Amino acid sequence: MFNKARKQKRRGSPSIALLHFNSSLNIAWSKFCEEMELGTLSDPSQSTFSLIDEDHTFANAIRFTLNQDPRTRFCGYSIPHPSDNRVNIRIQTTGDPAKDVFRDACQDLMVMCQHASNTFDKAVVDFKMSKSVDGMDI
């Protein structure tokens, strides 16, 4: 899923890659809502989420976002095998349900990606407006 974003980033603009990343987050969240949680019914504050078709790109970004949340006691991820397109994200919270904390982190990450994309697009427009077009290949 994120491999497409990486290829686009090399060929196209970073804002296109961010849009792919943001849409991948939406897809990851919708997949997560289906049946990705592996946890116990007795303690909803700790769970492992197994996401298919994801890699280090998403896992490291969501791990960073989760660790910024004060409700997170522990967050880490593992990829069971390099040829397996699956990532396991382990979350332990201070008491809130891990599913809610994970959902909030996905939403926060989507907001951050949208902000980065908007900032980049604005900077490109500002640059094009401030430079003369003569002699530039824009």
N, C-alpha and C. Protein backbone atom coordinates (compact mmCIF):
# COMPACT_ATOMS: atom_id res chain seq x y z
N MET A 1 0.83 -1.18 0.00
CA MET A 1 0.00 0.00 0.00
C MET A 1 0.87 1.25 0.00
N PHE A 2 1.84 1.32 0.88
CA PHE A 2 2.68 2.50 0.93
C PHE A 2 3.78 2.45 -0.12
N ASN A 3 4.02 1.28 -0.73
CA ASN A 3 5.00 1.21 -1.79
C ASN A 3 4.60 2.10 -2.95
N LYS A 4 3.27 2.20 -3.22
CA LYS A 4 2.80 3.08 -4.27
C LYS A 4 3.18 4.52 -3.96
N ALA A 5 3.05 4.91 -2.70
CA ALA A 5 3.38 6.28 -2.29
C ALA A 5 4.87 6.53 -2.47
N ARG A 6 5.69 5.54 -2.14
CA ARG A 6 7.13 5.73 -2.29
C ARG A 6 7.51 5.90 -3.76
N LYS A 7 6.91 5.10 -4.65
CA LYS A 7 7.20 5.22 -6.07
C LYS A 7 6.73 6.56 -6.60
N GLN A 8 5.55 7.01 -6.18
CA GLN A 8 5.06 8.31 -6.61
C GLN A 8 5.96 9.42 -6.12
N LYS A 9 6.47 9.28 -4.92
CA LYS A 9 7.33 10.32 -4.37
C LYS A 9 8.59 10.47 -5.20
N ARG A 10 9.13 9.34 -5.66
CA ARG A 10 10.32 9.42 -6.48
C ARG A 10 10.02 10.04 -7.84
N ARG A 11 8.85 9.73 -8.40
CA ARG A 11 8.52 10.22 -9.73
C ARG A 11 7.83 11.57 -9.70
N GLY A 12 6.97 11.78 -8.72
CA GLY A 12 6.14 12.98 -8.70
C GLY A 12 6.45 13.86 -7.52
N SER A 13 5.48 14.66 -7.17
CA SER A 13 5.68 15.60 -6.08
C SER A 13 5.42 14.94 -4.73
N PRO A 14 6.05 15.44 -3.67
CA PRO A 14 5.81 14.90 -2.34
C PRO A 14 4.36 15.03 -1.89
N SER A 15 3.65 16.03 -2.38
CA SER A 15 2.27 16.18 -1.95
C SER A 15 1.43 15.01 -2.47
N ILE A 16 1.76 14.47 -3.63
CA ILE A 16 1.05 13.30 -4.14
C ILE A 16 1.34 12.11 -3.23
N ALA A 17 2.58 11.96 -2.81
CA ALA A 17 2.93 10.86 -1.91
C ALA A 17 2.18 11.00 -0.59
N LEU A 18 2.06 12.22 -0.07
CA LEU A 18 1.33 12.43 1.18
C LEU A 18 -0.15 12.11 1.01
N LEU A 19 -0.71 12.43 -0.14
CA LEU A 19 -2.11 12.10 -0.37
C LEU A 19 -2.31 10.59 -0.40
N HIS A 20 -1.36 9.87 -1.02
CA HIS A 20 -1.43 8.40 -1.01
C HIS A 20 -1.30 7.89 0.41
N PHE A 21 -0.40 8.48 1.20
CA PHE A 21 -0.22 8.06 2.59
C PHE A 21 -1.50 8.31 3.38
N ASN A 22 -2.12 9.47 3.17
CA ASN A 22 -3.34 9.81 3.87
C ASN A 22 -4.47 8.86 3.48
N SER A 23 -4.59 8.53 2.20
CA SER A 23 -5.64 7.59 1.79
C SER A 23 -5.33 6.19 2.33
N SER A 24 -4.06 5.86 2.44
CA SER A 24 -3.69 4.57 3.04
C SER A 24 -4.08 4.51 4.50
N LEU A 25 -3.98 5.64 5.19
CA LEU A 25 -4.42 5.67 6.58
C LEU A 25 -5.92 5.42 6.68
N ASN A 26 -6.69 6.01 5.77
CA ASN A 26 -8.13 5.77 5.77
C ASN A 26 -8.44 4.30 5.52
N ILE A 27 -7.72 3.69 4.59
CA ILE A 27 -7.91 2.27 4.30
C ILE A 27 -7.51 1.43 5.49
N ALA A 28 -6.37 1.77 6.12
CA ALA A 28 -5.91 1.02 7.29
C ALA A 28 -6.94 1.10 8.41
N TRP A 29 -7.51 2.29 8.61
CA TRP A 29 -8.50 2.44 9.67
C TRP A 29 -9.75 1.63 9.36
N SER A 30 -10.19 1.62 8.10
CA SER A 30 -11.39 0.86 7.77
C SER A 30 -11.13 -0.64 7.91
N LYS A 31 -9.90 -1.10 7.55
CA LYS A 31 -9.55 -2.50 7.75
C LYS A 31 -9.51 -2.83 9.24
N PHE A 32 -8.97 -1.89 10.02
CA PHE A 32 -8.85 -2.09 11.46
C PHE A 32 -10.22 -2.26 12.10
N CYS A 33 -11.19 -1.51 11.63
CA CYS A 33 -12.54 -1.57 12.20
C CYS A 33 -13.19 -2.92 11.98
N GLU A 34 -12.73 -3.68 11.01
CA GLU A 34 -13.36 -4.96 10.71
C GLU A 34 -12.99 -6.03 11.74
N GLU A 35 -11.75 -6.48 11.75
CA GLU A 35 -11.40 -7.61 12.62
C GLU A 35 -9.90 -7.71 12.88
N MET A 36 -9.25 -6.63 13.18
CA MET A 36 -7.81 -6.64 13.30
C MET A 36 -7.31 -6.71 14.74
N GLU A 37 -8.20 -6.61 15.71
CA GLU A 37 -7.76 -6.53 17.09
C GLU A 37 -7.58 -7.92 17.68
N LEU A 38 -6.42 -8.14 18.29
CA LEU A 38 -6.14 -9.38 19.00
C LEU A 38 -5.88 -9.00 20.45
N GLY A 39 -6.81 -9.23 21.30
CA GLY A 39 -6.64 -8.83 22.69
C GLY A 39 -7.51 -9.69 23.58
N THR A 40 -7.55 -9.33 24.84
CA THR A 40 -8.37 -10.07 25.79
C THR A 40 -9.63 -9.27 26.10
N LEU A 41 -10.68 -9.96 26.40
CA LEU A 41 -11.92 -9.29 26.78
C LEU A 41 -11.83 -8.74 28.20
N SER A 42 -10.96 -9.32 29.02
CA SER A 42 -10.88 -8.90 30.42
C SER A 42 -10.13 -7.58 30.60
N ASP A 43 -9.22 -7.24 29.66
CA ASP A 43 -8.45 -6.00 29.80
C ASP A 43 -8.37 -5.27 28.46
N PRO A 44 -9.32 -4.38 28.20
CA PRO A 44 -9.31 -3.67 26.92
C PRO A 44 -8.20 -2.63 26.80
N SER A 45 -7.43 -2.41 27.87
CA SER A 45 -6.38 -1.39 27.82
C SER A 45 -5.11 -1.90 27.15
N GLN A 46 -5.07 -3.16 26.77
CA GLN A 46 -3.91 -3.67 26.06
C GLN A 46 -4.36 -4.61 24.95
N SER A 47 -3.85 -4.34 23.76
CA SER A 47 -4.23 -5.13 22.58
C SER A 47 -3.10 -5.13 21.58
N THR A 48 -3.16 -6.11 20.71
CA THR A 48 -2.26 -6.18 19.56
C THR A 48 -3.14 -6.10 18.32
N PHE A 49 -2.78 -5.23 17.41
CA PHE A 49 -3.52 -5.04 16.18
C PHE A 49 -2.67 -5.56 15.04
N SER A 50 -3.24 -6.43 14.24
CA SER A 50 -2.53 -7.01 13.11
C SER A 50 -3.09 -6.41 11.83
N LEU A 51 -2.26 -5.67 11.12
CA LEU A 51 -2.69 -4.98 9.89
C LEU A 51 -2.03 -5.63 8.68
N ILE A 52 -2.85 -6.01 7.74
CA ILE A 52 -2.37 -6.68 6.53
C ILE A 52 -2.07 -5.64 5.46
N ASP A 53 -1.08 -5.92 4.64
CA ASP A 53 -0.64 -5.04 3.55
C ASP A 53 -0.06 -3.73 4.06
N GLU A 54 0.61 -3.76 5.19
CA GLU A 54 1.28 -2.57 5.74
C GLU A 54 2.74 -2.92 5.99
N ASP A 55 3.56 -1.89 6.13
CA ASP A 55 4.98 -2.11 6.36
C ASP A 55 5.52 -1.09 7.35
N HIS A 56 6.85 -0.93 7.37
CA HIS A 56 7.49 -0.02 8.32
C HIS A 56 7.02 1.42 8.18
N THR A 57 6.63 1.84 6.99
CA THR A 57 6.23 3.23 6.78
C THR A 57 5.06 3.60 7.68
N PHE A 58 4.01 2.83 7.59
CA PHE A 58 2.84 3.11 8.43
C PHE A 58 3.13 2.79 9.89
N ALA A 59 3.75 1.65 10.15
CA ALA A 59 3.96 1.21 11.53
C ALA A 59 4.81 2.19 12.33
N ASN A 60 5.87 2.70 11.75
CA ASN A 60 6.72 3.63 12.48
C ASN A 60 6.02 4.97 12.69
N ALA A 61 5.25 5.42 11.70
CA ALA A 61 4.52 6.68 11.84
C ALA A 61 3.45 6.57 12.93
N ILE A 62 2.72 5.47 12.96
CA ILE A 62 1.67 5.33 13.97
C ILE A 62 2.28 5.08 15.35
N ARG A 63 3.42 4.39 15.39
CA ARG A 63 4.11 4.19 16.67
C ARG A 63 4.53 5.53 17.25
N PHE A 64 5.09 6.39 16.41
CA PHE A 64 5.49 7.72 16.87
C PHE A 64 4.29 8.50 17.39
N THR A 65 3.19 8.47 16.63
CA THR A 65 1.99 9.20 17.03
C THR A 65 1.42 8.65 18.34
N LEU A 66 1.40 7.34 18.47
CA LEU A 66 0.89 6.73 19.70
C LEU A 66 1.75 7.09 20.90
N ASN A 67 3.06 7.12 20.72
CA ASN A 67 3.94 7.44 21.84
C ASN A 67 3.83 8.91 22.27
N GLN A 68 3.27 9.76 21.43
CA GLN A 68 3.05 11.16 21.80
C GLN A 68 1.80 11.31 22.67
N ASP A 69 0.93 10.31 22.65
CA ASP A 69 -0.32 10.35 23.41
C ASP A 69 -0.04 9.99 24.87
N PRO A 70 -0.44 10.86 25.81
CA PRO A 70 -0.17 10.56 27.23
C PRO A 70 -0.94 9.34 27.75
N ARG A 71 -1.94 8.89 27.03
CA ARG A 71 -2.68 7.70 27.45
C ARG A 71 -1.94 6.41 27.14
N THR A 72 -0.88 6.49 26.32
CA THR A 72 -0.13 5.31 25.91
C THR A 72 0.97 5.01 26.91
N ARG A 73 0.94 3.82 27.46
CA ARG A 73 2.00 3.37 28.36
C ARG A 73 3.11 2.69 27.56
N PHE A 74 2.73 1.88 26.58
CA PHE A 74 3.71 1.19 25.73
C PHE A 74 3.13 1.05 24.33
N CYS A 75 3.99 1.23 23.33
CA CYS A 75 3.60 0.98 21.95
C CYS A 75 4.83 0.50 21.19
N GLY A 76 4.66 -0.55 20.47
CA GLY A 76 5.73 -1.07 19.62
C GLY A 76 5.13 -1.85 18.47
N TYR A 77 5.95 -2.14 17.49
CA TYR A 77 5.45 -2.92 16.37
C TYR A 77 6.48 -3.94 15.95
N SER A 78 6.00 -4.98 15.28
CA SER A 78 6.89 -5.99 14.72
C SER A 78 6.32 -6.45 13.39
N ILE A 79 7.23 -6.89 12.55
CA ILE A 79 6.85 -7.51 11.29
C ILE A 79 7.30 -8.96 11.41
N PRO A 80 6.33 -9.89 11.46
CA PRO A 80 6.67 -11.29 11.75
C PRO A 80 7.72 -11.89 10.83
N HIS A 81 7.65 -11.57 9.55
CA HIS A 81 8.61 -12.09 8.58
C HIS A 81 8.69 -11.12 7.42
N PRO A 82 9.89 -10.90 6.86
CA PRO A 82 10.03 -9.92 5.77
C PRO A 82 9.14 -10.21 4.56
N SER A 83 8.84 -11.46 4.30
CA SER A 83 8.00 -11.78 3.14
C SER A 83 6.51 -11.74 3.48
N ASP A 84 6.19 -11.49 4.73
CA ASP A 84 4.81 -11.42 5.18
C ASP A 84 4.36 -9.96 5.20
N ASN A 85 3.34 -9.62 4.41
CA ASN A 85 2.84 -8.25 4.36
C ASN A 85 1.91 -7.97 5.52
N ARG A 86 2.44 -8.05 6.71
CA ARG A 86 1.62 -7.85 7.89
C ARG A 86 2.48 -7.17 8.95
N VAL A 87 1.84 -6.30 9.72
CA VAL A 87 2.53 -5.64 10.82
C VAL A 87 1.67 -5.82 12.07
N ASN A 88 2.31 -6.13 13.19
CA ASN A 88 1.63 -6.25 14.47
C ASN A 88 1.97 -5.04 15.32
N ILE A 89 0.96 -4.33 15.77
CA ILE A 89 1.16 -3.15 16.60
C ILE A 89 0.62 -3.45 17.99
N ARG A 90 1.49 -3.39 18.99
CA ARG A 90 1.11 -3.68 20.38
C ARG A 90 0.92 -2.36 21.11
N ILE A 91 -0.22 -2.21 21.79
CA ILE A 91 -0.52 -0.99 22.53
C ILE A 91 -0.97 -1.36 23.93
N GLN A 92 -0.37 -0.69 24.92
CA GLN A 92 -0.81 -0.78 26.30
C GLN A 92 -1.07 0.64 26.77
N THR A 93 -2.24 0.87 27.34
CA THR A 93 -2.62 2.21 27.74
C THR A 93 -2.68 2.33 29.25
N THR A 94 -2.90 3.54 29.71
CA THR A 94 -3.01 3.80 31.15
C THR A 94 -4.39 3.47 31.70
N GLY A 95 -5.29 3.01 30.85
CA GLY A 95 -6.62 2.64 31.31
C GLY A 95 -7.68 2.76 30.24
N ASP A 96 -7.50 3.65 29.29
CA ASP A 96 -8.46 3.79 28.19
C ASP A 96 -8.38 2.57 27.28
N PRO A 97 -9.48 2.25 26.60
CA PRO A 97 -9.43 1.12 25.66
C PRO A 97 -8.39 1.36 24.56
N ALA A 98 -7.58 0.36 24.30
CA ALA A 98 -6.51 0.48 23.30
C ALA A 98 -7.09 0.76 21.92
N LYS A 99 -8.26 0.23 21.64
CA LYS A 99 -8.90 0.46 20.34
C LYS A 99 -9.19 1.95 20.14
N ASP A 100 -9.66 2.62 21.18
CA ASP A 100 -9.95 4.06 21.08
C ASP A 100 -8.69 4.88 20.90
N VAL A 101 -7.65 4.51 21.62
CA VAL A 101 -6.37 5.23 21.52
C VAL A 101 -5.78 5.05 20.13
N PHE A 102 -5.87 3.84 19.59
CA PHE A 102 -5.37 3.57 18.24
C PHE A 102 -6.16 4.37 17.21
N ARG A 103 -7.47 4.40 17.34
CA ARG A 103 -8.32 5.17 16.42
C ARG A 103 -7.94 6.65 16.45
N ASP A 104 -7.76 7.19 17.66
CA ASP A 104 -7.39 8.60 17.80
C ASP A 104 -6.02 8.88 17.17
N ALA A 105 -5.08 7.94 17.33
CA ALA A 105 -3.75 8.12 16.75
C ALA A 105 -3.82 8.11 15.22
N CYS A 106 -4.66 7.25 14.64
CA CYS A 106 -4.82 7.23 13.18
C CYS A 106 -5.40 8.55 12.70
N GLN A 107 -6.38 9.07 13.43
CA GLN A 107 -6.96 10.35 13.04
C GLN A 107 -5.95 11.49 13.17
N ASP A 108 -5.15 11.48 14.24
CA ASP A 108 -4.11 12.50 14.41
C ASP A 108 -3.09 12.44 13.28
N LEU A 109 -2.71 11.23 12.89
CA LEU A 109 -1.74 11.06 11.81
C LEU A 109 -2.31 11.55 10.48
N MET A 110 -3.60 11.32 10.25
CA MET A 110 -4.23 11.83 9.03
C MET A 110 -4.20 13.36 9.01
N VAL A 111 -4.46 13.98 10.16
CA VAL A 111 -4.42 15.45 10.25
C VAL A 111 -3.01 15.96 9.98
N MET A 112 -2.00 15.29 10.54
CA MET A 112 -0.61 15.71 10.31
C MET A 112 -0.23 15.59 8.83
N CYS A 113 -0.64 14.50 8.18
CA CYS A 113 -0.34 14.33 6.75
C CYS A 113 -1.04 15.38 5.92
N GLN A 114 -2.27 15.70 6.24
CA GLN A 114 -3.00 16.72 5.50
C GLN A 114 -2.34 18.08 5.68
N HIS A 115 -1.89 18.39 6.90
CA HIS A 115 -1.22 19.65 7.16
C HIS A 115 0.09 19.75 6.36
N ALA A 116 0.86 18.66 6.35
CA ALA A 116 2.12 18.66 5.59
C ALA A 116 1.85 18.83 4.10
N SER A 117 0.83 18.18 3.59
CA SER A 117 0.48 18.31 2.18
C SER A 117 0.04 19.74 1.85
N ASN A 118 -0.80 20.33 2.69
CA ASN A 118 -1.25 21.71 2.45
C ASN A 118 -0.10 22.70 2.53
N THR A 119 0.79 22.51 3.50
CA THR A 119 1.94 23.40 3.66
C THR A 119 2.86 23.32 2.44
N PHE A 120 3.09 22.11 1.95
CA PHE A 120 3.94 21.93 0.77
C PHE A 120 3.32 22.59 -0.45
N ASP A 121 2.02 22.35 -0.66
CA ASP A 121 1.35 22.94 -1.82
C ASP A 121 1.39 24.46 -1.76
N LYS A 122 1.20 25.03 -0.59
CA LYS A 122 1.25 26.49 -0.44
C LYS A 122 2.65 27.02 -0.73
N ALA A 123 3.68 26.30 -0.25
CA ALA A 123 5.06 26.73 -0.49
C ALA A 123 5.40 26.69 -1.99
N VAL A 124 4.90 25.69 -2.70
CA VAL A 124 5.14 25.60 -4.14
C VAL A 124 4.49 26.78 -4.85
N VAL A 125 3.26 27.09 -4.48
CA VAL A 125 2.56 28.22 -5.11
C VAL A 125 3.29 29.53 -4.79
N ASP A 126 3.71 29.71 -3.54
CA ASP A 126 4.44 30.93 -3.16
C ASP A 126 5.75 31.05 -3.92
N PHE A 127 6.45 29.93 -4.09
CA PHE A 127 7.71 29.94 -4.81
C PHE A 127 7.50 30.32 -6.27
N LYS A 128 6.49 29.72 -6.88
CA LYS A 128 6.22 30.01 -8.29
C LYS A 128 5.81 31.47 -8.49
N MET A 129 5.11 32.04 -7.53
CA MET A 129 4.68 33.44 -7.64
C MET A 129 5.83 34.41 -7.38
N SER A 130 6.78 34.03 -6.56
CA SER A 130 7.87 34.96 -6.20
C SER A 130 9.01 34.97 -7.22
N LYS A 131 9.15 33.93 -7.99
CA LYS A 131 10.23 33.84 -8.98
C LYS A 131 9.70 34.19 -10.36
N SER A 132 10.55 34.82 -11.12
CA SER A 132 10.13 35.13 -12.49
C SER A 132 10.15 33.84 -13.30
N VAL A 133 9.28 33.75 -14.23
CA VAL A 133 9.15 32.54 -15.05
C VAL A 133 10.20 32.51 -16.15
N ASP A 134 10.79 33.64 -16.49
CA ASP A 134 11.79 33.69 -17.55
C ASP A 134 13.01 32.85 -17.17
N GLY A 135 13.35 31.96 -18.04
CA GLY A 135 14.55 31.15 -17.84
C GLY A 135 14.36 30.01 -16.87
N MET A 136 13.17 29.80 -16.35
CA MET A 136 12.94 28.70 -15.42
C MET A 136 12.03 27.66 -16.08
N ASP A 137 12.34 26.43 -15.85
CA ASP A 137 11.53 25.34 -16.37
C ASP A 137 10.56 24.90 -15.28
N ILE A 138 9.37 25.51 -15.26
CA ILE A 138 8.39 25.21 -14.22
C ILE A 138 7.22 24.48 -14.81
